[in-house]
Amino acid sequence: MAIAFANENLTLTQMRQLVGELSDLDIGNISENADISTDLVNGFIKEGFQKIVALSQRYPYYQSTYSFLTTADTRAYSSFTRNIPSGNVATSITDIQSIIAIVNNGPTSGNDGQGNALVYLDQARCESIWVGAQDEAGIPAYFSIWGSQLNLWPKPNDEYTITLRAFRKPFLTWFTDESTSIDIDPQMQLPLINYVMARIFQFQEDPEMSNEYMRSFEKAVAIIQGQLTAPSSNRQLIMSGGLQLTPYDWWWSDTPNLRVLPGSPYPLGVAL
């Protein structure tokens, strides 16, 4: 059986077939004289998958972009549209693993809005600031997360277009739909197969082969995870490089040395 590993993930069925060929075992129904049950092998695949994705919340494979519209005087939001990947798919905050950045693109009316990045604040801190008469609607400048809801502070005074960049949770549809590709970075497919092989040999009480495959799994995952989650850099890391006069939060303009700082009531102010 020829399986292309190029840029596409295997389905549960394809991975099970490949494992069967590597192990030279008949995977199927035990009552029909199979060597190992389909359910057991599926369980090993799912177990290995969960171990890999639990190692990091920031695999680039799960990077996503979402958007939503605010409603005037409404603070909490939990439903979004996922634009990247699989454009314009309705989703929920429960499908998001971790939020990286939120940007207010300005009001849909086009009035008085140049856009701004929202700053994260703790929920309790926000509730202590925007309380009572101080809880007035305005341009959202901060956000908090509580009770599976994204809260904007101050609450919007208009309809704004919000862009949210985050790492999504892995899709689990392949658990039940064997025609769906396993939702994991393609580079992790072969390490996952090594994990399944290790568990199969463990089941067959062959500790030597089990340990060999498990070592291969652990080594490959460590190397690939380090490569996938390494920070992007256009130059080598320089330790103790001294004071940087032009860090990333400086705004280049005709007037030099203007630094972008959070301000009030507008979240983006400038200061010398």
Protein backbone atom coordinates (compact mmCIF):
# COMPACT_ATOMS: atom_id res chain seq x y z
CA MET A 1 0.00 0.00 0.00
CA ALA A 2 1.46 3.36 -1.06
CA ILE A 3 0.65 6.29 1.18
CA ALA A 4 1.79 9.81 0.30
CA PHE A 5 3.19 11.69 3.28
CA ALA A 6 3.73 14.93 1.35
CA ASN A 7 1.56 17.76 2.64
CA GLU A 8 -1.47 15.84 3.75
CA ASN A 9 -2.25 14.06 6.98
CA LEU A 10 -3.28 10.44 7.11
CA THR A 11 -6.76 9.40 8.10
CA LEU A 12 -7.33 7.03 11.00
CA THR A 13 -7.90 4.19 8.52
CA GLN A 14 -4.69 4.91 6.58
CA MET A 15 -2.59 5.09 9.73
CA ARG A 16 -4.05 1.85 11.03
CA GLN A 17 -3.29 0.13 7.71
CA LEU A 18 0.29 1.40 7.75
CA VAL A 19 0.78 0.23 11.34
CA GLY A 20 -0.57 -3.17 10.34
CA GLU A 21 2.01 -3.45 7.56
CA LEU A 22 4.90 -2.33 9.78
CA SER A 23 3.97 -4.69 12.60
CA ASP A 24 2.95 -7.55 10.28
CA LEU A 25 -0.20 -7.95 12.34
CA ASP A 26 -3.77 -8.48 11.25
CA ILE A 27 -5.78 -5.61 12.77
CA GLY A 28 -9.49 -6.28 12.97
CA ASN A 29 -12.10 -8.16 14.93
CA ILE A 30 -10.68 -10.58 17.48
CA SER A 31 -13.68 -12.85 17.04
CA GLU A 32 -12.58 -13.23 13.41
CA ASN A 33 -9.07 -14.35 14.43
CA ALA A 34 -7.38 -10.95 14.04
CA ASP A 35 -4.06 -10.51 15.87
CA ILE A 36 -5.08 -7.26 17.56
CA SER A 37 -8.39 -5.42 17.73
CA THR A 38 -9.19 -2.32 15.71
CA ASP A 39 -10.46 -0.52 18.82
CA LEU A 40 -7.18 -1.12 20.66
CA VAL A 41 -5.04 0.23 17.81
CA ASN A 42 -7.38 3.23 17.44
CA GLY A 43 -6.92 3.83 21.15
CA PHE A 44 -3.13 3.80 20.78
CA ILE A 45 -3.33 6.32 17.90
CA LYS A 46 -5.57 8.64 19.90
CA GLU A 47 -3.33 8.31 22.96
CA GLY A 48 -0.23 9.25 20.97
CA PHE A 49 -2.05 12.15 19.35
CA GLN A 50 -3.09 13.54 22.72
CA LYS A 51 0.45 13.25 24.09
CA ILE A 52 1.89 15.20 21.15
CA VAL A 53 -0.63 18.05 21.18
CA ALA A 54 -0.37 18.34 24.98
CA LEU A 55 3.35 19.16 24.71
CA SER A 56 2.70 22.67 23.38
CA GLN A 57 -0.22 25.06 22.96
CA ARG A 58 1.54 26.94 20.18
CA TYR A 59 2.16 24.67 17.23
CA PRO A 60 2.05 26.87 14.08
CA TYR A 61 -0.23 24.25 12.52
CA TYR A 62 -3.03 25.45 14.84
CA GLN A 63 -2.63 29.19 14.21
CA SER A 64 -5.99 30.77 13.36
CA THR A 65 -7.55 34.17 12.73
CA TYR A 66 -11.07 35.03 13.88
CA SER A 67 -13.35 38.03 13.57
CA PHE A 68 -16.59 39.29 15.07
CA LEU A 69 -18.72 42.42 15.28
CA THR A 70 -19.44 44.09 18.58
CA THR A 71 -22.83 45.35 19.69
CA ALA A 72 -23.19 48.69 21.43
CA ASP A 73 -23.35 48.35 25.23
CA THR A 74 -22.60 44.59 25.06
CA ARG A 75 -19.41 43.49 26.82
CA ALA A 76 -19.26 39.68 26.58
CA TYR A 77 -18.74 37.63 23.40
CA SER A 78 -18.29 33.92 22.82
CA SER A 79 -19.14 33.33 19.14
CA PHE A 80 -16.76 34.20 16.32
CA THR A 81 -16.09 33.56 12.64
CA ARG A 82 -12.89 31.65 11.87
CA ASN A 83 -11.35 33.22 8.78
CA ILE A 84 -8.04 31.33 8.69
CA PRO A 85 -7.90 28.41 8.08
CA SER A 86 -11.10 27.23 6.35
CA GLY A 87 -12.47 30.72 5.75
CA ASN A 88 -15.63 32.04 7.38
CA VAL A 89 -16.61 29.16 9.63
CA ALA A 90 -18.78 29.86 12.68
CA THR A 91 -17.02 28.81 15.87
CA SER A 92 -17.00 29.31 19.63
CA ILE A 93 -14.47 30.53 22.16
CA THR A 94 -14.37 26.98 23.52
CA ASP A 95 -12.59 25.98 20.29
CA ILE A 96 -9.72 28.38 21.06
CA GLN A 97 -6.66 27.19 22.99
CA SER A 98 -4.96 30.54 23.65
CA ILE A 99 -5.48 34.10 22.42
CA ILE A 100 -2.39 35.91 21.15
CA ALA A 101 -3.68 39.30 20.03
CA ILE A 102 -6.93 41.22 19.57
CA VAL A 103 -7.26 44.23 17.28
CA ASN A 104 -10.12 46.69 16.98
CA ASN A 105 -10.29 47.60 13.28
CA GLY A 106 -12.58 50.54 13.92
CA PRO A 107 -16.35 51.06 13.73
CA THR A 108 -18.26 49.66 10.78
CA SER A 109 -19.72 53.13 10.27
CA GLY A 110 -16.25 54.39 9.44
CA ASN A 111 -16.59 57.30 11.85
CA ASP A 112 -13.86 58.26 14.31
CA GLY A 113 -11.91 55.02 14.18
CA GLN A 114 -8.33 54.35 13.19
CA GLY A 115 -8.18 51.03 14.99
CA ASN A 116 -6.19 49.91 18.02
CA ALA A 117 -4.71 46.84 19.65
CA LEU A 118 -6.48 45.68 22.81
CA VAL A 119 -4.44 45.09 25.97
CA TYR A 120 -5.12 42.10 28.23
CA LEU A 121 -6.15 42.80 31.82
CA ASP A 122 -7.22 40.41 34.56
CA GLN A 123 -11.00 40.09 34.95
CA ALA A 124 -10.95 41.17 38.60
CA ARG A 125 -8.87 44.23 37.75
CA CYS A 126 -11.29 45.25 35.01
CA GLU A 127 -14.29 44.83 37.28
CA SER A 128 -12.64 47.07 39.87
CA ILE A 129 -12.05 49.83 37.29
CA TRP A 130 -15.27 49.79 35.25
CA VAL A 131 -17.70 49.68 38.14
CA GLY A 132 -20.84 51.65 38.92
CA ALA A 133 -20.95 55.06 37.30
CA GLN A 134 -17.49 54.43 35.83
CA ASP A 135 -18.83 51.65 33.61
CA GLU A 136 -19.51 53.82 30.61
CA ALA A 137 -19.42 52.67 26.99
CA GLY A 138 -16.48 53.73 24.86
CA ILE A 139 -13.86 52.51 22.40
CA PRO A 140 -12.73 49.03 23.53
CA ALA A 141 -9.13 49.26 24.74
CA TYR A 142 -8.74 46.19 26.97
CA PHE A 143 -10.00 42.62 27.13
CA SER A 144 -10.32 39.86 29.71
CA ILE A 145 -11.43 36.22 29.58
CA TRP A 146 -13.75 34.71 32.15
CA GLY A 147 -16.34 31.93 32.12
CA SER A 148 -15.71 31.04 28.45
CA GLN A 149 -16.45 34.61 27.42
CA LEU A 150 -14.32 37.36 25.91
CA ASN A 151 -15.05 40.62 27.72
CA LEU A 152 -14.26 44.04 26.24
CA TRP A 153 -13.43 47.05 28.41
CA PRO A 154 -14.89 49.57 28.25
CA LYS A 155 -17.98 48.02 26.72
CA PRO A 156 -18.35 49.11 23.08
CA ASN A 157 -20.26 52.28 22.27
CA ASP A 158 -20.66 51.30 18.61
CA GLU A 159 -20.43 48.36 16.21
CA TYR A 160 -16.73 47.57 15.81
CA THR A 161 -14.98 44.96 13.67
CA ILE A 162 -12.67 42.92 15.89
CA THR A 163 -9.87 40.65 14.66
CA LEU A 164 -8.64 37.95 16.99
CA ARG A 165 -5.46 35.90 16.45
CA ALA A 166 -5.17 32.70 18.42
CA PHE A 167 -4.14 29.07 18.51
CA ARG A 168 -7.14 26.82 18.03
CA LYS A 169 -7.73 23.53 19.77
CA PRO A 170 -7.15 20.44 17.60
CA PHE A 171 -10.22 19.18 15.76
CA LEU A 172 -11.41 15.84 17.14
CA THR A 173 -13.78 14.86 14.34
CA TRP A 174 -11.32 12.23 13.12
CA PHE A 175 -11.97 10.32 16.35
CA THR A 176 -15.37 9.29 15.02
CA ASP A 177 -15.10 9.97 11.26
CA GLU A 178 -12.35 7.74 9.87
CA SER A 179 -12.45 9.50 6.50
CA THR A 180 -11.26 12.75 8.13
CA SER A 181 -7.52 13.45 8.30
CA ILE A 182 -5.89 13.33 11.72
CA ASP A 183 -5.58 16.95 12.84
CA ILE A 184 -1.87 17.14 13.55
CA ASP A 185 1.13 18.77 11.91
CA PRO A 186 2.25 16.53 9.01
CA GLN A 187 5.76 16.41 10.48
CA MET A 188 4.35 14.63 13.52
CA GLN A 189 2.82 11.75 11.57
CA LEU A 190 5.83 9.43 11.61
CA PRO A 191 6.57 10.02 15.32
CA LEU A 192 2.91 9.19 16.00
CA ILE A 193 3.33 5.92 14.12
CA ASN A 194 6.40 5.13 16.25
CA TYR A 195 4.32 5.68 19.38
CA VAL A 196 1.62 3.29 18.17
CA MET A 197 4.23 0.68 17.31
CA ALA A 198 5.73 1.02 20.79
CA ARG A 199 2.35 0.45 22.41
CA ILE A 200 1.64 -2.56 20.16
CA PHE A 201 4.93 -4.23 21.09
CA GLN A 202 4.24 -3.43 24.73
CA PHE A 203 0.87 -5.15 24.33
CA GLN A 204 2.67 -8.16 22.84
CA GLU A 205 5.05 -8.22 25.84
CA ASP A 206 8.12 -7.37 23.78
CA PRO A 207 9.81 -4.71 25.95
CA GLU A 208 12.96 -4.45 23.83
CA MET A 209 11.13 -3.47 20.63
CA SER A 210 8.65 -1.35 22.59
CA ASN A 211 11.45 0.66 24.20
CA GLU A 212 13.21 1.12 20.86
CA TYR A 213 10.11 2.58 19.18
CA MET A 214 9.31 4.71 22.23
CA ARG A 215 12.82 6.20 22.24
CA SER A 216 12.44 6.98 18.54
CA PHE A 217 9.09 8.63 19.25
CA GLU A 218 10.38 10.77 22.12
CA LYS A 219 13.52 11.87 20.27
CA ALA A 220 11.66 12.78 17.08
CA VAL A 221 8.93 14.69 18.90
CA ALA A 222 11.48 16.69 20.92
CA ILE A 223 13.39 17.68 17.78
CA ILE A 224 10.32 18.54 15.70
CA GLN A 225 8.59 20.40 18.54
CA GLY A 226 11.70 22.51 19.10
CA GLN A 227 11.85 23.38 15.42
CA LEU A 228 8.13 24.13 15.08
CA THR A 229 7.86 26.30 18.19
CA ALA A 230 11.20 28.13 17.86
CA PRO A 231 10.75 31.94 17.72
CA SER A 232 11.09 33.56 14.32
CA SER A 233 14.23 35.62 13.89
CA ASN A 234 15.81 37.56 11.04
CA ARG A 235 19.14 37.45 12.78
CA GLN A 236 20.99 35.42 15.37
CA LEU A 237 20.09 35.89 19.00
CA ILE A 238 22.47 38.36 20.66
CA MET A 239 22.72 38.21 24.44
CA SER A 240 23.45 41.41 26.40
CA GLY A 241 23.16 43.51 23.27
CA GLY A 242 22.76 46.70 25.29
CA LEU A 243 20.14 49.39 24.95
CA GLN A 244 18.13 49.30 21.72
CA LEU A 245 17.22 52.78 20.62
CA THR A 246 14.63 51.62 18.08
CA PRO A 247 12.69 48.68 19.53
CA TYR A 248 9.56 47.35 17.87
CA ASP A 249 7.17 49.61 19.80
CA TRP A 250 8.57 52.80 18.29
CA TRP A 251 6.66 54.50 15.55
CA TRP A 252 8.69 55.80 12.62
CA SER A 253 7.43 59.12 11.35
CA ASP A 254 8.64 62.56 10.31
CA THR A 255 9.02 63.26 14.01
CA PRO A 256 11.59 60.78 15.39
CA ASN A 257 11.53 59.02 18.73
CA LEU A 258 7.76 58.84 19.22
CA ARG A 259 6.89 55.80 21.26
CA VAL A 260 3.50 54.07 21.10
CA LEU A 261 2.00 53.74 24.59
CA PRO A 262 -1.38 52.72 25.98
CA GLY A 263 -3.39 55.77 26.94
CA SER A 264 -6.85 56.85 27.97
CA PRO A 265 -9.46 57.27 26.72
CA TYR A 266 -7.80 56.11 23.51
CA PRO A 267 -5.72 52.92 23.82
CA LEU A 268 -2.99 54.21 21.54
CA GLY A 269 -1.24 57.42 22.54
CA VAL A 270 2.19 58.70 21.75
CA ALA A 271 4.86 60.05 24.05
CA LEU A 272 8.44 61.16 23.76
